[in-house]
């Protein structure tokens, strides 16, 4: 429990900064999900590409901002990551190729 709490607590600032950096928008290609909270801020989540349970870290290149639907699809769907670094995440998710350029907020491609 202490390890889990430390991981969750240690990445709060980074998670907040990532959400702000992408203007509270899902980074998955062509997603226009909009779930405003009571203050009008779009609700998004930050997902680990390599899960913490599998020794993934809360670092740039292993985190992605997603809407709740894409977060669950990313966690539970058939996924194969081809490229993962601090600039690009690309792969196959439930039969669809995707590429997300992390270095430039809104540079997306679907193949």
N, C-alpha and C. Protein backbone atom coordinates (compact mmCIF):
# COMPACT_ATOMS: atom_id res chain seq x y z
N UNK A 1 0.82 -1.18 0.00
CA UNK A 1 0.00 0.00 0.00
C UNK A 1 0.87 1.26 0.00
N UNK A 2 1.95 1.25 0.76
CA UNK A 2 2.84 2.41 0.80
C UNK A 2 3.47 2.68 -0.56
N UNK A 3 3.85 1.63 -1.26
CA UNK A 3 4.45 1.78 -2.59
C UNK A 3 3.44 2.39 -3.54
N UNK A 4 2.21 1.89 -3.54
CA UNK A 4 1.17 2.42 -4.41
C UNK A 4 0.90 3.89 -4.09
N UNK A 5 0.76 4.23 -2.81
CA UNK A 5 0.53 5.62 -2.43
C UNK A 5 1.68 6.52 -2.86
N UNK A 6 2.91 6.05 -2.72
CA UNK A 6 4.07 6.85 -3.10
C UNK A 6 4.07 7.10 -4.62
N UNK A 7 3.76 6.09 -5.40
CA UNK A 7 3.71 6.24 -6.86
C UNK A 7 2.62 7.23 -7.25
N UNK A 8 1.44 7.06 -6.67
CA UNK A 8 0.32 7.95 -7.00
C UNK A 8 0.65 9.37 -6.57
N UNK A 9 1.15 9.56 -5.39
CA UNK A 9 1.44 10.90 -4.87
C UNK A 9 2.58 11.58 -5.64
N UNK A 10 3.58 10.81 -6.02
CA UNK A 10 4.75 11.39 -6.67
C UNK A 10 4.49 11.91 -8.08
N UNK A 11 3.44 11.41 -8.73
CA UNK A 11 3.25 11.84 -10.12
C UNK A 11 2.12 12.86 -10.30
N UNK A 12 1.53 13.32 -9.24
CA UNK A 12 0.41 14.27 -9.36
C UNK A 12 0.78 15.54 -10.12
N UNK A 13 1.91 16.11 -9.80
CA UNK A 13 2.32 17.35 -10.46
C UNK A 13 2.55 17.11 -11.95
N UNK A 14 3.24 16.04 -12.29
CA UNK A 14 3.49 15.71 -13.70
C UNK A 14 2.18 15.46 -14.43
N UNK A 15 1.27 14.73 -13.82
CA UNK A 15 -0.03 14.44 -14.42
C UNK A 15 -0.78 15.74 -14.69
N UNK A 16 -0.80 16.64 -13.74
CA UNK A 16 -1.47 17.93 -13.91
C UNK A 16 -0.84 18.74 -15.04
N UNK A 17 0.48 18.76 -15.09
CA UNK A 17 1.18 19.50 -16.14
C UNK A 17 0.90 18.91 -17.53
N UNK A 18 0.86 17.58 -17.63
CA UNK A 18 0.58 16.95 -18.92
C UNK A 18 -0.83 17.29 -19.41
N UNK A 19 -1.80 17.23 -18.51
CA UNK A 19 -3.17 17.58 -18.88
C UNK A 19 -3.23 19.02 -19.38
N UNK A 20 -2.57 19.90 -18.65
CA UNK A 20 -2.55 21.31 -19.05
C UNK A 20 -1.84 21.49 -20.39
N UNK A 21 -0.74 20.79 -20.60
CA UNK A 21 0.06 20.89 -21.83
C UNK A 21 -0.76 20.56 -23.07
N UNK A 22 -1.65 19.56 -22.96
CA UNK A 22 -2.46 19.15 -24.11
C UNK A 22 -3.85 19.80 -24.07
N UNK A 23 -3.98 20.83 -23.25
CA UNK A 23 -5.22 21.61 -23.17
C UNK A 23 -6.41 20.72 -22.81
N UNK A 24 -6.17 19.75 -21.93
CA UNK A 24 -7.22 18.87 -21.43
C UNK A 24 -7.98 18.16 -22.56
N UNK A 25 -7.22 17.71 -23.57
CA UNK A 25 -7.79 16.99 -24.70
C UNK A 25 -7.17 15.60 -24.80
N UNK A 26 -7.97 14.66 -25.22
CA UNK A 26 -7.50 13.29 -25.44
C UNK A 26 -6.45 13.31 -26.55
N UNK A 27 -5.32 12.65 -26.33
CA UNK A 27 -4.26 12.60 -27.32
C UNK A 27 -4.46 11.51 -28.36
N UNK A 28 -5.47 10.67 -28.20
CA UNK A 28 -5.67 9.63 -29.20
C UNK A 28 -6.17 10.27 -30.49
N UNK A 29 -5.66 9.82 -31.62
CA UNK A 29 -6.01 10.43 -32.91
C UNK A 29 -7.51 10.56 -33.14
N UNK A 30 -7.88 11.74 -33.59
CA UNK A 30 -9.26 12.06 -34.00
C UNK A 30 -10.30 11.97 -32.89
N UNK A 31 -9.90 11.98 -31.65
CA UNK A 31 -10.87 11.97 -30.54
C UNK A 31 -11.30 13.39 -30.25
N UNK A 32 -12.60 13.59 -30.17
CA UNK A 32 -13.12 14.92 -29.82
C UNK A 32 -14.00 14.84 -28.58
N UNK A 33 -13.70 13.89 -27.72
CA UNK A 33 -14.45 13.71 -26.48
C UNK A 33 -14.45 15.01 -25.67
N UNK A 34 -15.61 15.35 -25.14
CA UNK A 34 -15.72 16.54 -24.31
C UNK A 34 -16.62 16.22 -23.13
N UNK A 35 -16.01 16.15 -21.94
CA UNK A 35 -16.73 15.85 -20.71
C UNK A 35 -16.40 16.97 -19.71
N UNK A 36 -17.13 18.09 -19.77
CA UNK A 36 -16.79 19.21 -18.89
C UNK A 36 -17.15 18.93 -17.43
N UNK A 37 -16.26 19.37 -16.53
CA UNK A 37 -16.58 19.28 -15.11
C UNK A 37 -17.39 20.53 -14.73
N UNK A 38 -17.67 20.69 -13.46
CA UNK A 38 -18.51 21.81 -13.02
C UNK A 38 -17.88 23.17 -13.29
N UNK A 39 -16.57 23.20 -13.51
CA UNK A 39 -15.87 24.44 -13.84
C UNK A 39 -15.67 24.62 -15.34
N UNK A 40 -16.17 23.67 -16.13
CA UNK A 40 -16.04 23.75 -17.58
C UNK A 40 -14.74 23.19 -18.12
N UNK A 41 -13.91 22.59 -17.25
CA UNK A 41 -12.65 22.00 -17.68
C UNK A 41 -12.93 20.58 -18.17
N UNK A 42 -12.40 20.25 -19.34
CA UNK A 42 -12.62 18.93 -19.91
C UNK A 42 -11.96 17.85 -19.06
N UNK A 43 -12.71 16.79 -18.75
CA UNK A 43 -12.18 15.69 -17.96
C UNK A 43 -11.37 14.74 -18.84
N UNK A 44 -10.13 14.53 -18.48
CA UNK A 44 -9.25 13.56 -19.13
C UNK A 44 -8.47 12.82 -18.05
N UNK A 45 -7.88 11.72 -18.44
CA UNK A 45 -7.09 10.90 -17.53
C UNK A 45 -5.70 10.72 -18.11
N UNK A 46 -4.76 10.38 -17.27
CA UNK A 46 -3.40 10.11 -17.74
C UNK A 46 -3.13 8.62 -17.54
N UNK A 47 -2.78 7.96 -18.64
CA UNK A 47 -2.55 6.52 -18.64
C UNK A 47 -1.06 6.23 -18.76
N UNK A 48 -0.65 5.14 -18.14
CA UNK A 48 0.70 4.62 -18.33
C UNK A 48 0.69 3.69 -19.53
N UNK A 49 1.62 3.87 -20.43
CA UNK A 49 1.72 2.97 -21.58
C UNK A 49 2.21 1.61 -21.11
N UNK A 50 3.28 1.59 -20.36
CA UNK A 50 3.71 0.38 -19.67
C UNK A 50 3.21 0.51 -18.24
N UNK A 51 2.34 -0.38 -17.84
CA UNK A 51 1.68 -0.30 -16.53
C UNK A 51 2.68 -0.26 -15.37
N UNK A 52 2.30 0.43 -14.32
CA UNK A 52 3.10 0.48 -13.10
C UNK A 52 3.29 -0.93 -12.55
N UNK A 53 2.24 -1.75 -12.66
CA UNK A 53 2.32 -3.14 -12.18
C UNK A 53 3.36 -3.95 -12.94
N UNK A 54 3.74 -3.47 -14.14
CA UNK A 54 4.76 -4.15 -14.94
C UNK A 54 6.04 -3.32 -14.98
N UNK A 55 6.26 -2.56 -13.90
CA UNK A 55 7.45 -1.74 -13.70
C UNK A 55 7.53 -0.51 -14.60
N UNK A 56 6.38 -0.07 -15.13
CA UNK A 56 6.33 1.19 -15.87
C UNK A 56 6.45 2.36 -14.91
N UNK A 57 7.04 3.42 -15.36
CA UNK A 57 7.28 4.59 -14.52
C UNK A 57 6.41 5.76 -14.96
N UNK A 58 6.20 6.69 -14.06
CA UNK A 58 5.49 7.93 -14.37
C UNK A 58 6.50 8.95 -14.89
N UNK A 59 6.86 8.76 -16.17
CA UNK A 59 7.84 9.63 -16.81
C UNK A 59 7.35 9.99 -18.21
N UNK A 60 7.87 11.10 -18.73
CA UNK A 60 7.56 11.50 -20.10
C UNK A 60 7.96 10.36 -21.03
N UNK A 61 7.09 10.03 -21.94
CA UNK A 61 7.33 8.91 -22.85
C UNK A 61 6.60 7.65 -22.41
N UNK A 62 6.16 7.60 -21.15
CA UNK A 62 5.36 6.47 -20.69
C UNK A 62 3.97 6.92 -20.23
N UNK A 63 3.67 8.18 -20.41
CA UNK A 63 2.37 8.72 -20.02
C UNK A 63 1.67 9.33 -21.22
N UNK A 64 0.36 9.17 -21.27
CA UNK A 64 -0.43 9.71 -22.35
C UNK A 64 -1.76 10.19 -21.78
N UNK A 65 -2.23 11.33 -22.25
CA UNK A 65 -3.50 11.90 -21.80
C UNK A 65 -4.61 11.36 -22.69
N UNK A 66 -5.61 10.74 -22.05
CA UNK A 66 -6.70 10.11 -22.80
C UNK A 66 -8.05 10.42 -22.16
N UNK A 67 -9.11 10.39 -22.99
CA UNK A 67 -10.46 10.44 -22.46
C UNK A 67 -10.71 9.11 -21.74
N UNK A 68 -11.73 9.03 -20.90
CA UNK A 68 -11.98 7.77 -20.19
C UNK A 68 -12.18 6.56 -21.11
N UNK A 69 -12.86 6.76 -22.24
CA UNK A 69 -13.09 5.63 -23.16
C UNK A 69 -11.79 5.13 -23.76
N UNK A 70 -10.95 6.04 -24.25
CA UNK A 70 -9.68 5.60 -24.82
C UNK A 70 -8.75 5.04 -23.75
N UNK A 71 -8.83 5.56 -22.53
CA UNK A 71 -8.01 5.03 -21.45
C UNK A 71 -8.36 3.55 -21.22
N UNK A 72 -9.66 3.24 -21.13
CA UNK A 72 -10.06 1.85 -20.91
C UNK A 72 -9.71 0.98 -22.11
N UNK A 73 -9.93 1.51 -23.31
CA UNK A 73 -9.57 0.75 -24.51
C UNK A 73 -8.07 0.48 -24.53
N UNK A 74 -7.28 1.49 -24.15
CA UNK A 74 -5.83 1.35 -24.12
C UNK A 74 -5.40 0.30 -23.10
N UNK A 75 -6.08 0.28 -21.95
CA UNK A 75 -5.74 -0.68 -20.89
C UNK A 75 -6.25 -2.09 -21.18
N UNK A 76 -7.43 -2.21 -21.77
CA UNK A 76 -8.08 -3.52 -21.90
C UNK A 76 -8.09 -4.08 -23.32
N UNK A 77 -7.84 -3.24 -24.31
CA UNK A 77 -7.93 -3.68 -25.71
C UNK A 77 -6.71 -4.45 -26.17
N UNK A 78 -6.83 -4.98 -27.38
CA UNK A 78 -5.71 -5.67 -28.03
C UNK A 78 -4.74 -4.60 -28.49
N UNK A 79 -3.57 -4.54 -27.87
CA UNK A 79 -2.63 -3.44 -28.10
C UNK A 79 -1.25 -3.98 -28.38
N UNK A 80 -0.59 -3.36 -29.36
CA UNK A 80 0.79 -3.66 -29.67
C UNK A 80 1.50 -2.34 -29.93
N UNK A 81 2.48 -2.01 -29.11
CA UNK A 81 3.21 -0.76 -29.26
C UNK A 81 4.42 -1.01 -30.15
N UNK A 82 4.55 -0.22 -31.23
CA UNK A 82 5.68 -0.35 -32.15
C UNK A 82 6.82 0.59 -31.74
N UNK A 83 6.47 1.83 -31.41
CA UNK A 83 7.45 2.85 -31.04
C UNK A 83 7.00 3.53 -29.77
N UNK A 84 7.91 3.67 -28.82
CA UNK A 84 7.60 4.38 -27.59
C UNK A 84 8.85 5.08 -27.11
N UNK A 85 8.82 6.41 -27.16
CA UNK A 85 9.90 7.21 -26.62
C UNK A 85 9.33 8.55 -26.18
N UNK A 86 10.16 9.52 -25.88
CA UNK A 86 9.67 10.80 -25.39
C UNK A 86 9.02 11.65 -26.47
N UNK A 87 9.12 11.23 -27.73
CA UNK A 87 8.54 12.01 -28.83
C UNK A 87 7.36 11.35 -29.52
N UNK A 88 7.38 10.03 -29.65
CA UNK A 88 6.38 9.31 -30.45
C UNK A 88 5.89 8.08 -29.70
N UNK A 89 4.58 7.84 -29.82
CA UNK A 89 4.00 6.56 -29.43
C UNK A 89 3.23 6.10 -30.65
N UNK A 90 3.55 4.91 -31.14
CA UNK A 90 2.81 4.37 -32.26
C UNK A 90 2.55 2.89 -32.01
N UNK A 91 1.49 2.41 -32.63
CA UNK A 91 1.18 1.01 -32.46
C UNK A 91 -0.14 0.64 -33.09
N UNK A 92 -0.68 -0.45 -32.60
CA UNK A 92 -1.93 -1.00 -33.08
C UNK A 92 -2.84 -1.18 -31.88
N UNK A 93 -4.05 -0.62 -31.95
CA UNK A 93 -5.01 -0.76 -30.87
C UNK A 93 -6.33 -1.23 -31.45
N UNK A 94 -6.73 -2.45 -31.06
CA UNK A 94 -7.97 -3.04 -31.55
C UNK A 94 -8.10 -2.96 -33.07
N UNK A 95 -7.01 -3.30 -33.74
CA UNK A 95 -7.02 -3.38 -35.19
C UNK A 95 -6.77 -2.07 -35.93
N UNK A 96 -6.54 -0.97 -35.20
CA UNK A 96 -6.29 0.32 -35.84
C UNK A 96 -4.87 0.79 -35.52
N UNK A 97 -4.12 1.13 -36.56
CA UNK A 97 -2.81 1.73 -36.36
C UNK A 97 -2.98 3.15 -35.85
N UNK A 98 -2.09 3.56 -34.96
CA UNK A 98 -2.11 4.94 -34.48
C UNK A 98 -0.69 5.45 -34.29
N UNK A 99 -0.55 6.75 -34.35
CA UNK A 99 0.72 7.42 -34.06
C UNK A 99 0.40 8.73 -33.38
N UNK A 100 1.04 8.96 -32.25
CA UNK A 100 0.85 10.20 -31.52
C UNK A 100 2.22 10.84 -31.32
N UNK A 101 2.36 12.04 -31.84
CA UNK A 101 3.59 12.80 -31.69
C UNK A 101 3.50 13.58 -30.39
N UNK A 102 4.21 13.13 -29.37
CA UNK A 102 4.15 13.75 -28.05
C UNK A 102 4.89 15.08 -27.99
N UNK A 103 5.85 15.26 -28.88
CA UNK A 103 6.64 16.49 -28.86
C UNK A 103 5.83 17.69 -29.34
N UNK A 104 4.87 17.43 -30.21
CA UNK A 104 4.01 18.48 -30.74
C UNK A 104 2.58 18.09 -30.47
N UNK A 105 1.98 18.75 -29.51
CA UNK A 105 0.63 18.48 -29.03
C UNK A 105 -0.34 17.80 -29.98
N UNK A 106 -0.60 18.40 -31.11
CA UNK A 106 -1.71 17.99 -31.93
C UNK A 106 -1.28 17.42 -33.28
N UNK A 107 -0.12 16.78 -33.35
CA UNK A 107 0.35 16.14 -34.58
C UNK A 107 -0.07 14.68 -34.53
N UNK A 108 -1.21 14.36 -35.11
CA UNK A 108 -1.75 13.02 -35.06
C UNK A 108 -1.83 12.42 -36.44
N UNK A 109 -1.79 11.11 -36.51
CA UNK A 109 -1.99 10.39 -37.77
C UNK A 109 -2.72 9.10 -37.49
N UNK A 110 -3.64 8.76 -38.35
CA UNK A 110 -4.21 7.42 -38.35
C UNK A 110 -3.87 6.81 -39.68
N UNK A 111 -3.37 5.60 -39.67
CA UNK A 111 -2.95 4.92 -40.90
C UNK A 111 -3.99 3.89 -41.29
